[in-house]
Amino acid sequence: MSESNIIEKRKTAAFLAFFALAVFSNLYLPIRQHLYDIPALLYCALVITWSLSIRRRVVQKHIRRLLTAASVLMVLLFCFRICRYTLLTNLPALREYAWYAYYIPLCLIPLTGFLSALRVSRDDPDGPLRATLPLWIAGGLLSLLFMTNGIHGLAFRFTDAEHSSYSHGPLYWVLVVWALFLCLATLVILLRCCRIRASRNLWYIPAGIMAAGIALLVVYFICGGSPQINGMKLYQLHEAVCFLFIGSIESCIRVGLLPVNTDYEMLFDRSHINAVIRSDDGEAVFVSQNYTPVSDGFRIQDRPISGGSVSWAEDLRDVTALNERLESVTQELEGENELIRQENEIRAERISYETKNRLYDRISEDLRPQAEKMQTLLSAASDSGEVFSEYLPKIAVLGAYIKRRGNLILNAEESGMLSSGELALAIRESFEYLTLSGKTAELRSEGAAMLPAPLCLLAYELFETALEGSFDSLNACDAVIETASESFALKLALDAPEIPVLPDRLTEKADALGASLDAETRDDTVYITLSAALPAGKEAAV
């Protein structure tokens, strides 16, 4: 058996012996009036001793504070008893209030145990505990009602003027139900949140102690006060309450339902560290299982702790070998780093060229139809000699489209977004060349936003396709760009006899982008509309 276990057993035996002394004194000393308060003082000492052990063993601060508060309340319970039977014997009114004050701790002690169980059941015990304020208010209200019993008589109903004979009122039984419910709920919560099956299998130990404490209280109620044998009071209400609370909490700690700060000596002994804990005079107190005297290749670390120091040896042999290996590898890598850097530069330059070539090929492929049309018109104009009167406007419109679309594709490559203002500039330049042939053109741009590049390119391609398809019969063209925070629309109104042919690829691109493409004729005017919703988070005011 380890030394810490021996010390713990000795402390437990001493506590039980002191408890037996308190029980014995409670049986025999109250017979002598001048020794009446000694049992209460002994019980106060027991409660304080248990509280100090709780503060040493319980790690979680909120649980430690709740259990300490319960200990303070139990000490107050005995202090109120001393006041009632010794200090205030000649003051009947204050003596009665000291009796009522018993029920302040009796209302709040079960609540502290219940809240401690709630803290254990949480994944984050230090976090805020919700819905506890109503419980504290309820406990405080019960305490206040007991203290004001002289006004309403809901807790005790006196049958004589001296208040020596009384019966229990409804408020008293409310307190009994309150305390019983919180005690049972505490045990149930601790059992449900415990993840260690071996601890849950020992549920009968705290349940048995809790049942014994409740049995003491039941006997107390049945007897109408402290049960007696040959004129000696076996116990009083205060002892029964303290036995119920301390016994239940301590049994939960011993079986593992309530986490505590113990068994660290065993953990230290079975750990894989090479360490030793020494007292102030240098004597080894705790030695780990793997502790061995140090030699070359080890580094000793020493830190002071409360009551002594801890020393451990760090094995640096593997680290030393690794450092030597790293040094040789580093020398090899230094020669390769320069080659790798040059390779990376060449690779980055090649990737840049490939990207540019791929982009230029894409632009060339995308604009090939317009380039071929432009070449055909130039050849026809050269043969006929009518460049300015017939072919030049259409050639200029095609040239503007080639220039502007290529510029849009290059800009889209950087961020994948294009400004609606750039689309407006491209359409406006095409309109400037369209007016050379005497046609009317007008553009209105409402709003400004960043558009997905595919949508912007589709809108410009639709505009160019509609313009080219109706160029010869077109009299006027109006274009409206409507841009809002969540939507985009390009509306074209063509003064032409019929709808120009729109290739299927435009409809397919619109469907792929989730856009809508509509074309109709009303009153000898062709209306073409491209509308789409802008993706959330992508739009941005320009």
Protein backbone atom coordinates (compact mmCIF):
# COMPACT_ATOMS: atom_id res chain seq x y z
CA MET A 1 0.00 0.00 0.00
CA SER A 2 1.36 3.45 -0.95
CA GLU A 3 2.25 6.03 1.67
CA SER A 4 -0.48 8.42 0.49
CA ASN A 5 -3.14 5.71 0.89
CA ILE A 6 -1.90 5.00 4.42
CA ILE A 7 -2.07 8.70 5.28
CA GLU A 8 -5.57 8.94 3.79
CA LYS A 9 -6.79 5.97 5.79
CA ARG A 10 -5.35 7.45 8.95
CA LYS A 11 -7.12 10.73 8.33
CA THR A 12 -10.39 8.89 7.72
CA ALA A 13 -9.97 6.86 10.91
CA ALA A 14 -9.22 10.00 12.92
CA PHE A 15 -12.28 11.72 11.51
CA LEU A 16 -14.53 8.76 12.36
CA ALA A 17 -13.07 8.60 15.87
CA PHE A 18 -13.76 12.29 16.35
CA PHE A 19 -17.27 11.74 15.04
CA ALA A 20 -17.80 8.92 17.54
CA LEU A 21 -16.62 11.26 20.31
CA ALA A 22 -19.13 13.88 19.16
CA VAL A 23 -21.94 11.30 19.17
CA PHE A 24 -20.97 10.11 22.66
CA SER A 25 -20.81 13.66 23.97
CA ASN A 26 -24.20 14.37 22.44
CA LEU A 27 -25.66 11.43 24.41
CA TYR A 28 -24.20 12.17 27.84
CA LEU A 29 -22.97 15.75 28.14
CA PRO A 30 -26.30 17.60 27.53
CA ILE A 31 -27.51 16.12 30.85
CA ARG A 32 -25.22 18.63 32.55
CA GLN A 33 -26.37 22.12 31.69
CA HIS A 34 -22.93 23.72 31.73
CA LEU A 35 -21.69 21.14 29.21
CA TYR A 36 -24.70 21.42 26.88
CA ASP A 37 -22.88 23.26 24.08
CA ILE A 38 -19.84 20.96 23.84
CA PRO A 39 -21.47 18.51 21.34
CA ALA A 40 -22.43 21.42 19.08
CA LEU A 41 -18.88 22.75 19.17
CA LEU A 42 -17.50 19.29 18.38
CA TYR A 43 -19.83 18.97 15.43
CA CYS A 44 -18.77 22.43 14.23
CA ALA A 45 -15.15 21.28 14.38
CA LEU A 46 -16.06 18.17 12.35
CA VAL A 47 -17.81 20.25 9.70
CA ILE A 48 -14.89 22.67 9.46
CA THR A 49 -12.43 19.78 9.16
CA TRP A 50 -14.48 18.22 6.38
CA SER A 51 -14.72 21.62 4.64
CA LEU A 52 -10.93 22.01 4.70
CA SER A 53 -10.53 18.55 3.17
CA ILE A 54 -13.04 19.49 0.46
CA ARG A 55 -11.07 22.61 -0.41
CA ARG A 56 -7.95 20.47 -0.72
CA ARG A 57 -9.50 17.68 -2.76
CA VAL A 58 -12.03 19.34 -5.09
CA VAL A 59 -10.36 20.99 -8.08
CA GLN A 60 -13.29 22.73 -9.80
CA LYS A 61 -13.65 26.13 -8.15
CA HIS A 62 -17.44 26.51 -8.44
CA ILE A 63 -18.11 23.10 -6.90
CA ARG A 64 -15.55 23.85 -4.17
CA ARG A 65 -17.28 27.14 -3.39
CA LEU A 66 -20.73 25.53 -3.24
CA LEU A 67 -19.58 22.79 -0.86
CA THR A 68 -17.75 25.35 1.27
CA ALA A 69 -20.94 27.41 1.42
CA ALA A 70 -22.80 24.29 2.58
CA SER A 71 -20.20 23.81 5.34
CA VAL A 72 -20.67 27.41 6.47
CA LEU A 73 -24.43 26.87 6.60
CA MET A 74 -24.00 23.71 8.69
CA VAL A 75 -21.76 25.58 11.14
CA LEU A 76 -24.41 28.33 11.34
CA LEU A 77 -27.00 25.68 12.09
CA PHE A 78 -25.13 24.68 15.26
CA CYS A 79 -24.44 28.32 16.11
CA PHE A 80 -28.18 29.04 16.01
CA ARG A 81 -28.72 26.07 18.34
CA ILE A 82 -26.19 27.47 20.82
CA CYS A 83 -27.89 30.86 20.64
CA ARG A 84 -31.30 29.34 21.26
CA TYR A 85 -30.46 27.10 24.19
CA THR A 86 -27.60 29.02 25.86
CA LEU A 87 -27.12 32.63 24.85
CA LEU A 88 -30.74 33.77 24.47
CA THR A 89 -32.49 31.84 27.24
CA ASN A 90 -33.64 35.08 28.93
CA LEU A 91 -34.82 36.70 25.66
CA PRO A 92 -37.89 34.75 24.49
CA ALA A 93 -38.45 36.77 21.31
CA LEU A 94 -34.86 36.45 20.06
CA ARG A 95 -34.81 32.82 21.19
CA GLU A 96 -37.78 32.15 18.94
CA TYR A 97 -36.08 33.83 15.98
CA ALA A 98 -32.96 31.74 16.61
CA TRP A 99 -35.21 28.70 16.26
CA TYR A 100 -36.68 30.03 12.99
CA ALA A 101 -33.13 30.67 11.76
CA TYR A 102 -32.55 26.87 11.79
CA TYR A 103 -34.50 26.71 8.57
CA ILE A 104 -32.32 29.11 6.61
CA PRO A 105 -29.52 26.49 6.36
CA LEU A 106 -32.12 23.73 5.99
CA CYS A 107 -33.51 25.50 2.90
CA LEU A 108 -30.13 26.24 1.30
CA ILE A 109 -27.94 23.22 2.13
CA PRO A 110 -29.80 20.82 -0.26
CA LEU A 111 -29.66 23.51 -2.95
CA THR A 112 -25.84 23.72 -2.79
CA GLY A 113 -25.59 19.95 -3.29
CA PHE A 114 -27.98 20.08 -6.24
CA LEU A 115 -26.06 22.92 -7.93
CA SER A 116 -22.79 21.04 -7.37
CA ALA A 117 -24.27 18.06 -9.23
CA LEU A 118 -25.34 20.35 -12.08
CA ARG A 119 -21.77 21.66 -12.32
CA VAL A 120 -20.42 18.09 -12.53
CA SER A 121 -22.90 17.24 -15.32
CA ARG A 122 -21.65 20.07 -17.57
CA ASP A 123 -18.92 19.64 -20.18
CA ASP A 124 -17.63 23.07 -19.10
CA PRO A 125 -17.98 23.24 -15.28
CA ASP A 126 -16.53 26.77 -15.22
CA GLY A 127 -19.10 28.12 -17.66
CA PRO A 128 -22.25 30.03 -16.64
CA LEU A 129 -24.98 27.89 -15.09
CA ARG A 130 -28.36 28.92 -16.45
CA ALA A 131 -31.71 28.88 -14.65
CA THR A 132 -30.12 28.85 -11.15
CA LEU A 133 -31.41 32.26 -10.13
CA PRO A 134 -35.02 31.01 -9.69
CA LEU A 135 -33.71 28.26 -7.40
CA TRP A 136 -31.83 30.75 -5.23
CA ILE A 137 -34.89 32.99 -5.15
CA ALA A 138 -37.05 30.03 -4.12
CA GLY A 139 -34.60 29.08 -1.34
CA GLY A 140 -34.40 32.67 -0.14
CA LEU A 141 -38.19 33.02 -0.20
CA LEU A 142 -38.62 29.85 1.85
CA SER A 143 -36.08 31.16 4.38
CA LEU A 144 -37.88 34.50 4.58
CA LEU A 145 -41.23 32.83 5.11
CA PHE A 146 -39.82 30.78 8.00
CA MET A 147 -38.28 33.87 9.59
CA THR A 148 -41.66 35.66 9.39
CA ASN A 149 -43.66 32.75 10.78
CA GLY A 150 -44.77 34.94 13.67
CA ILE A 151 -46.81 37.00 11.17
CA HIS A 152 -48.54 34.32 9.09
CA GLY A 153 -48.07 31.04 11.01
CA LEU A 154 -47.67 28.96 7.83
CA ALA A 155 -44.70 26.98 9.14
CA PHE A 156 -45.60 26.48 12.82
CA ARG A 157 -48.98 26.87 14.47
CA PHE A 158 -48.76 27.42 18.21
CA THR A 159 -51.46 26.11 20.53
CA ASP A 160 -50.50 28.05 23.66
CA ALA A 161 -49.35 31.54 24.53
CA GLU A 162 -45.86 30.44 25.58
CA HIS A 163 -45.24 28.83 22.13
CA SER A 164 -44.21 25.61 23.82
CA SER A 165 -46.69 23.48 21.91
CA TYR A 166 -47.13 23.70 18.15
CA SER A 167 -48.05 21.80 15.01
CA HIS A 168 -46.47 21.91 11.57
CA GLY A 169 -48.10 24.08 8.93
CA PRO A 170 -48.11 23.63 5.14
CA LEU A 171 -44.90 25.63 4.68
CA TYR A 172 -43.03 23.11 6.81
CA TRP A 173 -44.03 20.27 4.51
CA VAL A 174 -43.12 22.36 1.47
CA LEU A 175 -39.60 22.52 2.91
CA VAL A 176 -39.59 18.74 3.44
CA VAL A 177 -40.61 18.13 -0.20
CA TRP A 178 -38.09 20.75 -1.41
CA ALA A 179 -35.19 19.16 0.47
CA LEU A 180 -36.15 15.57 -0.43
CA PHE A 181 -36.51 16.42 -4.12
CA LEU A 182 -33.13 18.18 -4.29
CA CYS A 183 -31.38 15.30 -2.49
CA LEU A 184 -32.77 12.67 -4.86
CA ALA A 185 -32.16 14.88 -7.92
CA THR A 186 -28.54 15.35 -6.85
CA LEU A 187 -27.92 11.61 -6.74
CA VAL A 188 -29.72 10.98 -10.05
CA ILE A 189 -27.75 13.70 -11.87
CA LEU A 190 -24.41 12.42 -10.57
CA LEU A 191 -25.28 8.86 -11.65
CA ARG A 192 -26.44 9.95 -15.12
CA CYS A 193 -23.40 12.11 -15.88
CA CYS A 194 -20.82 9.62 -14.59
CA ARG A 195 -18.99 7.96 -17.50
CA ILE A 196 -17.17 5.35 -15.37
CA ARG A 197 -19.19 2.16 -15.15
CA ALA A 198 -17.37 0.92 -12.06
CA SER A 199 -18.44 4.07 -10.20
CA ARG A 200 -22.03 3.81 -11.41
CA ASN A 201 -22.16 0.19 -10.24
CA LEU A 202 -21.49 1.41 -6.68
CA TRP A 203 -24.63 3.60 -6.69
CA TYR A 204 -26.00 1.74 -3.72
CA ILE A 205 -23.36 3.18 -1.37
CA PRO A 206 -24.40 6.87 -1.62
CA ALA A 207 -28.02 5.77 -2.02
CA GLY A 208 -27.78 3.74 1.19
CA ILE A 209 -26.20 6.58 3.15
CA MET A 210 -28.78 9.00 1.81
CA ALA A 211 -31.56 6.58 2.79
CA ALA A 212 -30.08 6.26 6.30
CA GLY A 213 -30.00 10.05 6.68
CA ILE A 214 -33.57 10.38 5.46
CA ALA A 215 -34.58 7.61 7.87
CA LEU A 216 -33.08 9.60 10.77
CA LEU A 217 -35.16 12.60 9.75
CA VAL A 218 -38.32 10.47 9.41
CA VAL A 219 -37.81 9.06 12.91
CA TYR A 220 -37.27 12.61 14.16
CA PHE A 221 -40.58 13.71 12.62
CA ILE A 222 -42.47 10.68 13.91
CA CYS A 223 -41.18 11.22 17.46
CA GLY A 224 -42.07 14.90 17.31
CA GLY A 225 -38.48 15.81 18.12
CA SER A 226 -35.28 14.09 19.14
CA PRO A 227 -35.80 10.33 19.76
CA GLN A 228 -34.85 9.35 23.33
CA ILE A 229 -33.75 6.25 25.20
CA ASN A 230 -33.80 6.39 29.00
CA GLY A 231 -34.07 10.16 28.86
CA MET A 232 -31.02 10.55 26.59
CA LYS A 233 -31.51 12.22 23.21
CA LEU A 234 -30.01 10.02 20.52
CA TYR A 235 -29.57 12.87 18.06
CA GLN A 236 -31.10 16.17 17.07
CA LEU A 237 -32.22 17.65 13.76
CA HIS A 238 -28.89 19.38 13.19
CA GLU A 239 -26.84 16.19 13.41
CA ALA A 240 -29.23 14.31 11.12
CA VAL A 241 -29.04 17.02 8.45
CA CYS A 242 -25.24 17.17 8.60
CA PHE A 243 -24.97 13.38 8.48
CA LEU A 244 -27.25 13.26 5.45
CA PHE A 245 -25.36 15.94 3.50
CA ILE A 246 -21.76 15.11 4.44
CA GLY A 247 -22.34 11.35 4.20
CA SER A 248 -23.98 11.61 0.77
CA ILE A 249 -21.35 13.97 -0.69
CA GLU A 250 -18.42 12.07 0.81
CA SER A 251 -19.72 8.71 -0.43
CA CYS A 252 -20.14 10.19 -3.94
CA ILE A 253 -16.51 11.34 -3.74
CA ARG A 254 -15.25 7.96 -2.53
CA VAL A 255 -17.02 5.95 -5.27
CA GLY A 256 -15.97 8.40 -8.00
CA LEU A 257 -19.28 10.13 -8.80
CA LEU A 258 -17.86 13.51 -7.75
CA PRO A 259 -14.39 14.29 -9.19
CA VAL A 260 -11.66 15.17 -6.69
CA ASN A 261 -7.95 15.89 -6.67
CA THR A 262 -6.58 12.59 -5.31
CA ASP A 263 -4.46 9.56 -6.31
CA TYR A 264 -1.71 11.71 -7.77
CA GLU A 265 0.95 9.66 -5.99
CA MET A 266 -0.18 6.56 -7.89
CA LEU A 267 -0.23 8.53 -11.13
CA PHE A 268 3.28 9.83 -10.48
CA ASP A 269 4.55 6.35 -9.60
CA ARG A 270 3.14 4.76 -12.74
CA SER A 271 4.12 7.53 -15.12
CA HIS A 272 6.90 7.08 -17.64
CA ILE A 273 8.89 10.11 -16.50
CA ASN A 274 12.27 9.82 -14.86
CA ALA A 275 11.63 12.05 -11.82
CA VAL A 276 11.84 12.26 -8.05
CA ILE A 277 10.16 14.58 -5.52
CA ARG A 278 12.29 15.58 -2.53
CA SER A 279 11.52 17.27 0.75
CA ASP A 280 13.17 20.46 1.91
CA ASP A 281 16.05 18.50 3.46
CA GLY A 282 16.74 16.68 0.17
CA GLU A 283 15.17 13.33 1.10
CA ALA A 284 13.40 11.50 -1.73
CA VAL A 285 9.68 11.35 -0.88
CA PHE A 286 8.10 10.16 -4.16
CA VAL A 287 10.00 8.32 -6.86
CA SER A 288 8.54 7.41 -10.26
CA GLN A 289 8.53 3.80 -11.33
CA ASN A 290 11.00 4.45 -14.16
CA TYR A 291 13.44 6.50 -12.11
CA THR A 292 17.07 5.63 -12.82
CA PRO A 293 20.32 7.40 -11.90
CA VAL A 294 21.41 9.74 -14.65
CA SER A 295 24.57 9.51 -16.74
CA ASP A 296 26.08 11.09 -19.83
CA GLY A 297 23.51 12.28 -22.33
CA PHE A 298 21.01 13.37 -19.66
CA ARG A 299 20.09 16.87 -18.55
CA ILE A 300 18.84 17.45 -15.00
CA GLN A 301 15.93 19.86 -14.46
CA ASP A 302 14.99 21.01 -10.97
CA ARG A 303 12.10 23.19 -9.84
CA PRO A 304 11.01 24.24 -6.35
CA ILE A 305 7.55 23.19 -5.18
CA SER A 306 5.63 23.65 -1.96
CA GLY A 307 7.48 21.72 0.75
CA GLY A 308 10.45 20.67 -1.37
CA SER A 309 11.49 20.31 -4.99
CA VAL A 310 11.00 18.10 -8.01
CA SER A 311 13.83 16.87 -10.22
CA TRP A 312 13.63 15.06 -13.49
CA ALA A 313 16.12 13.89 -16.08
CA GLU A 314 15.67 14.63 -19.76
CA ASP A 315 17.23 12.02 -22.03
CA LEU A 316 19.10 14.01 -24.67
CA ARG A 317 20.89 11.10 -26.34
CA ASP A 318 18.36 10.81 -29.13
CA VAL A 319 18.30 14.59 -29.47
CA THR A 320 22.10 14.76 -29.72
CA ALA A 321 22.17 12.04 -32.37
CA LEU A 322 19.39 13.76 -34.23
CA ASN A 323 21.20 17.11 -34.14
CA GLU A 324 24.31 15.52 -35.61
CA ARG A 325 22.26 13.92 -38.32
CA LEU A 326 20.45 17.21 -38.98
CA GLU A 327 23.74 19.04 -39.31
CA SER A 328 24.96 16.67 -42.00
CA VAL A 329 21.62 16.73 -43.78
CA THR A 330 21.57 20.53 -43.60
CA GLN A 331 24.91 20.70 -45.37
CA GLU A 332 23.54 18.46 -48.11
CA LEU A 333 20.36 20.47 -48.40
CA GLU A 334 22.14 23.80 -48.64
CA GLY A 335 23.69 22.64 -51.91
CA GLU A 336 20.28 21.56 -53.22
CA ASN A 337 18.37 24.65 -52.13
CA GLU A 338 19.92 26.85 -54.78
CA LEU A 339 19.07 24.34 -57.48
CA ILE A 340 15.53 24.08 -56.19
CA ARG A 341 15.19 27.86 -56.13
CA GLN A 342 16.34 28.15 -59.72
CA GLU A 343 14.02 25.33 -60.75
CA ASN A 344 11.13 27.10 -59.04
CA GLU A 345 11.90 30.35 -60.84
CA ILE A 346 12.02 28.56 -64.20
CA ARG A 347 8.84 26.66 -63.38
CA ALA A 348 7.05 29.86 -62.32
CA GLU A 349 8.16 31.62 -65.50
CA ARG A 350 7.01 28.69 -67.64
CA ILE A 351 3.65 28.60 -65.84
CA SER A 352 3.25 32.33 -66.42
CA TYR A 353 3.95 31.89 -70.16
CA GLU A 354 1.59 28.94 -70.37
CA THR A 355 -1.12 30.88 -68.59
CA LYS A 356 -0.74 33.85 -70.88
CA ASN A 357 -0.69 31.65 -73.99
CA ARG A 358 -3.77 29.78 -72.78
CA LEU A 359 -5.53 33.08 -72.13
CA TYR A 360 -4.56 34.48 -75.54
CA ASP A 361 -5.69 31.27 -77.23
CA ARG A 362 -9.00 31.55 -75.44
CA ILE A 363 -9.43 35.17 -76.52
CA SER A 364 -8.49 34.27 -80.10
CA GLU A 365 -10.92 31.35 -80.18
CA ASP A 366 -13.70 33.39 -78.56
CA LEU A 367 -13.36 36.30 -81.01
CA ARG A 368 -12.66 34.28 -84.17
CA PRO A 369 -16.22 34.70 -85.64
CA GLN A 370 -16.08 38.49 -85.34
CA ALA A 371 -12.54 38.59 -86.69
CA GLU A 372 -13.57 36.54 -89.73
CA LYS A 373 -16.61 38.77 -90.33
CA MET A 374 -14.41 41.83 -90.04
CA GLN A 375 -11.92 40.37 -92.54
CA THR A 376 -14.75 39.54 -94.97
CA LEU A 377 -16.18 43.07 -94.75
CA LEU A 378 -12.76 44.62 -95.26
CA SER A 379 -12.22 42.51 -98.37
CA ALA A 380 -15.66 43.39 -99.70
CA ALA A 381 -15.16 47.10 -98.98
CA SER A 382 -11.79 47.04 -100.71
CA ASP A 383 -13.26 45.45 -103.82
CA SER A 384 -16.29 47.75 -104.06
CA GLY A 385 -14.62 50.96 -102.98
CA GLU A 386 -17.56 51.89 -100.72
CA VAL A 387 -15.80 51.62 -97.35
CA PHE A 388 -17.16 54.75 -95.69
CA SER A 389 -20.71 54.64 -96.97
CA GLU A 390 -21.57 51.03 -96.24
CA TYR A 391 -18.99 48.82 -94.57
CA LEU A 392 -17.03 51.08 -92.22
CA PRO A 393 -19.72 51.38 -89.43
CA LYS A 394 -20.19 47.66 -89.18
CA ILE A 395 -16.41 47.08 -89.27
CA ALA A 396 -16.00 49.64 -86.50
CA VAL A 397 -18.66 47.93 -84.35
CA LEU A 398 -16.92 44.56 -84.82
CA GLY A 399 -13.56 46.11 -83.98
CA ALA A 400 -14.95 47.71 -80.84
CA TYR A 401 -16.39 44.36 -79.74
CA ILE A 402 -13.09 42.55 -80.34
CA LYS A 403 -11.15 45.16 -78.38
CA ARG A 404 -13.60 45.46 -75.49
CA ARG A 405 -14.30 41.73 -75.12
CA GLY A 406 -10.60 40.94 -75.07
CA ASN A 407 -10.13 43.59 -72.38
CA LEU A 408 -13.00 42.11 -70.32
CA ILE A 409 -11.54 38.61 -70.53
CA LEU A 410 -8.13 39.87 -69.36
CA ASN A 411 -9.65 41.74 -66.42
CA ALA A 412 -11.80 38.74 -65.45
CA GLU A 413 -8.72 36.55 -65.21
CA GLU A 414 -7.50 38.46 -62.13
CA SER A 415 -10.49 38.27 -59.78
CA GLY A 416 -13.31 36.50 -61.58
CA MET A 417 -15.44 39.66 -61.21
CA LEU A 418 -16.20 42.53 -63.58
CA SER A 419 -17.71 45.93 -62.95
CA SER A 420 -21.07 46.76 -64.48
CA GLY A 421 -19.42 50.06 -65.39
CA GLU A 422 -16.98 48.23 -67.69
CA LEU A 423 -19.93 46.56 -69.43
CA ALA A 424 -21.55 49.98 -69.89
CA LEU A 425 -18.33 51.43 -71.37
CA ALA A 426 -18.08 48.53 -73.84
CA ILE A 427 -21.71 48.94 -75.01
CA ARG A 428 -21.33 52.74 -75.20
CA GLU A 429 -18.29 52.44 -77.49
CA SER A 430 -20.22 50.09 -79.81
CA PHE A 431 -23.09 52.62 -79.86
CA GLU A 432 -20.68 55.41 -80.84
CA TYR A 433 -19.66 53.47 -83.94
CA LEU A 434 -23.27 52.46 -84.61
CA THR A 435 -24.29 56.09 -84.96
CA LEU A 436 -21.84 56.46 -87.90
CA SER A 437 -24.40 54.65 -90.06
CA GLY A 438 -27.12 57.09 -89.05
CA LYS A 439 -28.80 54.80 -86.56
CA THR A 440 -30.03 56.00 -83.16
CA ALA A 441 -28.53 54.45 -80.04
CA GLU A 442 -29.01 55.23 -76.37
CA LEU A 443 -27.64 53.57 -73.22
CA ARG A 444 -28.87 53.95 -69.64
CA SER A 445 -27.01 52.39 -66.72
CA GLU A 446 -28.88 52.25 -63.41
CA GLY A 447 -26.84 51.23 -60.37
CA ALA A 448 -23.33 49.84 -60.20
CA ALA A 449 -21.98 46.58 -58.82
CA MET A 450 -19.35 43.91 -59.31
CA LEU A 451 -20.74 41.10 -61.48
CA PRO A 452 -19.55 37.51 -61.93
CA ALA A 453 -17.31 37.54 -65.00
CA PRO A 454 -19.27 34.83 -66.93
CA LEU A 455 -22.51 36.82 -66.51
CA CYS A 456 -20.90 40.07 -67.66
CA LEU A 457 -19.31 38.39 -70.70
CA LEU A 458 -22.63 36.72 -71.58
CA ALA A 459 -24.43 40.07 -71.43
CA TYR A 460 -21.90 41.68 -73.79
CA GLU A 461 -22.01 38.68 -76.15
CA LEU A 462 -25.83 38.85 -76.21
CA PHE A 463 -25.68 42.56 -77.02
CA GLU A 464 -23.20 42.00 -79.87
CA THR A 465 -25.17 39.03 -81.28
CA ALA A 466 -28.43 41.05 -81.28
CA LEU A 467 -26.67 44.04 -82.86
CA GLU A 468 -24.97 42.00 -85.60
CA GLY A 469 -28.13 40.00 -86.36
CA SER A 470 -30.27 43.09 -86.95
CA PHE A 471 -27.63 45.56 -88.14
CA ASP A 472 -28.85 45.93 -91.73
CA SER A 473 -32.53 46.45 -90.80
CA LEU A 474 -31.94 48.25 -87.52
CA ASN A 475 -33.15 51.83 -87.13
CA ALA A 476 -32.58 52.41 -83.42
CA CYS A 477 -31.35 50.54 -80.40
CA ASP A 478 -31.82 51.26 -76.70
CA ALA A 479 -29.95 49.42 -73.95
CA VAL A 480 -30.66 49.54 -70.23
CA ILE A 481 -28.35 48.06 -67.58
CA GLU A 482 -30.17 47.62 -64.27
CA THR A 483 -27.95 46.62 -61.36
CA ALA A 484 -29.16 46.22 -57.78
CA SER A 485 -27.61 44.61 -54.72
CA GLU A 486 -29.17 41.24 -55.52
CA SER A 487 -30.07 41.32 -59.22
CA PHE A 488 -28.81 42.26 -62.67
CA ALA A 489 -30.64 42.82 -65.94
CA LEU A 490 -29.68 43.86 -69.49
CA LYS A 491 -32.66 45.08 -71.51
CA LEU A 492 -32.34 45.70 -75.26
CA ALA A 493 -35.02 47.42 -77.40
CA LEU A 494 -34.33 47.06 -81.16
CA ASP A 495 -36.32 48.96 -83.77
CA ALA A 496 -36.18 46.04 -86.21
CA PRO A 497 -38.87 44.08 -88.08
CA GLU A 498 -38.03 40.72 -86.53
CA ILE A 499 -36.12 39.09 -83.68
CA PRO A 500 -32.49 38.45 -84.62
CA VAL A 501 -31.32 34.87 -84.50
CA LEU A 502 -29.94 34.03 -81.03
CA PRO A 503 -27.69 30.94 -81.05
CA ASP A 504 -28.51 28.09 -78.71
CA ARG A 505 -25.19 28.56 -76.93
CA LEU A 506 -26.45 31.81 -75.42
CA THR A 507 -29.48 30.06 -73.89
CA GLU A 508 -27.26 27.24 -72.63
CA LYS A 509 -24.84 29.69 -71.01
CA ALA A 510 -27.74 31.56 -69.41
CA ASP A 511 -29.17 28.33 -67.99
CA ALA A 512 -25.78 27.32 -66.64
CA LEU A 513 -25.51 30.66 -64.81
CA GLY A 514 -29.07 30.50 -63.49
CA ALA A 515 -30.04 33.48 -65.66
CA SER A 516 -33.16 34.09 -67.72
CA LEU A 517 -33.02 35.02 -71.44
CA ASP A 518 -36.23 36.26 -73.08
CA ALA A 519 -36.95 37.73 -76.53
CA GLU A 520 -40.25 39.02 -77.91
CA THR A 521 -41.70 41.48 -80.48
CA ARG A 522 -44.24 44.16 -79.55
CA ASP A 523 -45.37 47.04 -81.80
CA ASP A 524 -42.62 46.45 -84.39
CA THR A 525 -40.00 46.56 -81.63
CA VAL A 526 -37.85 43.63 -80.53
CA TYR A 527 -37.30 43.33 -76.75
CA ILE A 528 -34.48 41.11 -75.48
CA THR A 529 -33.91 40.73 -71.73
CA LEU A 530 -31.17 38.96 -69.78
CA SER A 531 -31.80 38.86 -66.01
CA ALA A 532 -30.06 37.06 -63.17
CA ALA A 533 -29.79 37.07 -59.40
CA LEU A 534 -26.40 38.05 -58.01
CA PRO A 535 -24.75 35.57 -55.62
CA ALA A 536 -24.91 36.64 -51.99
CA GLY A 537 -21.70 38.19 -50.73
CA LYS A 538 -20.27 38.68 -54.23
CA GLU A 539 -21.76 42.06 -55.10
CA ALA A 540 -19.94 45.24 -54.16
CA ALA A 541 -20.71 48.83 -54.92
CA VAL A 542 -18.40 50.44 -57.40
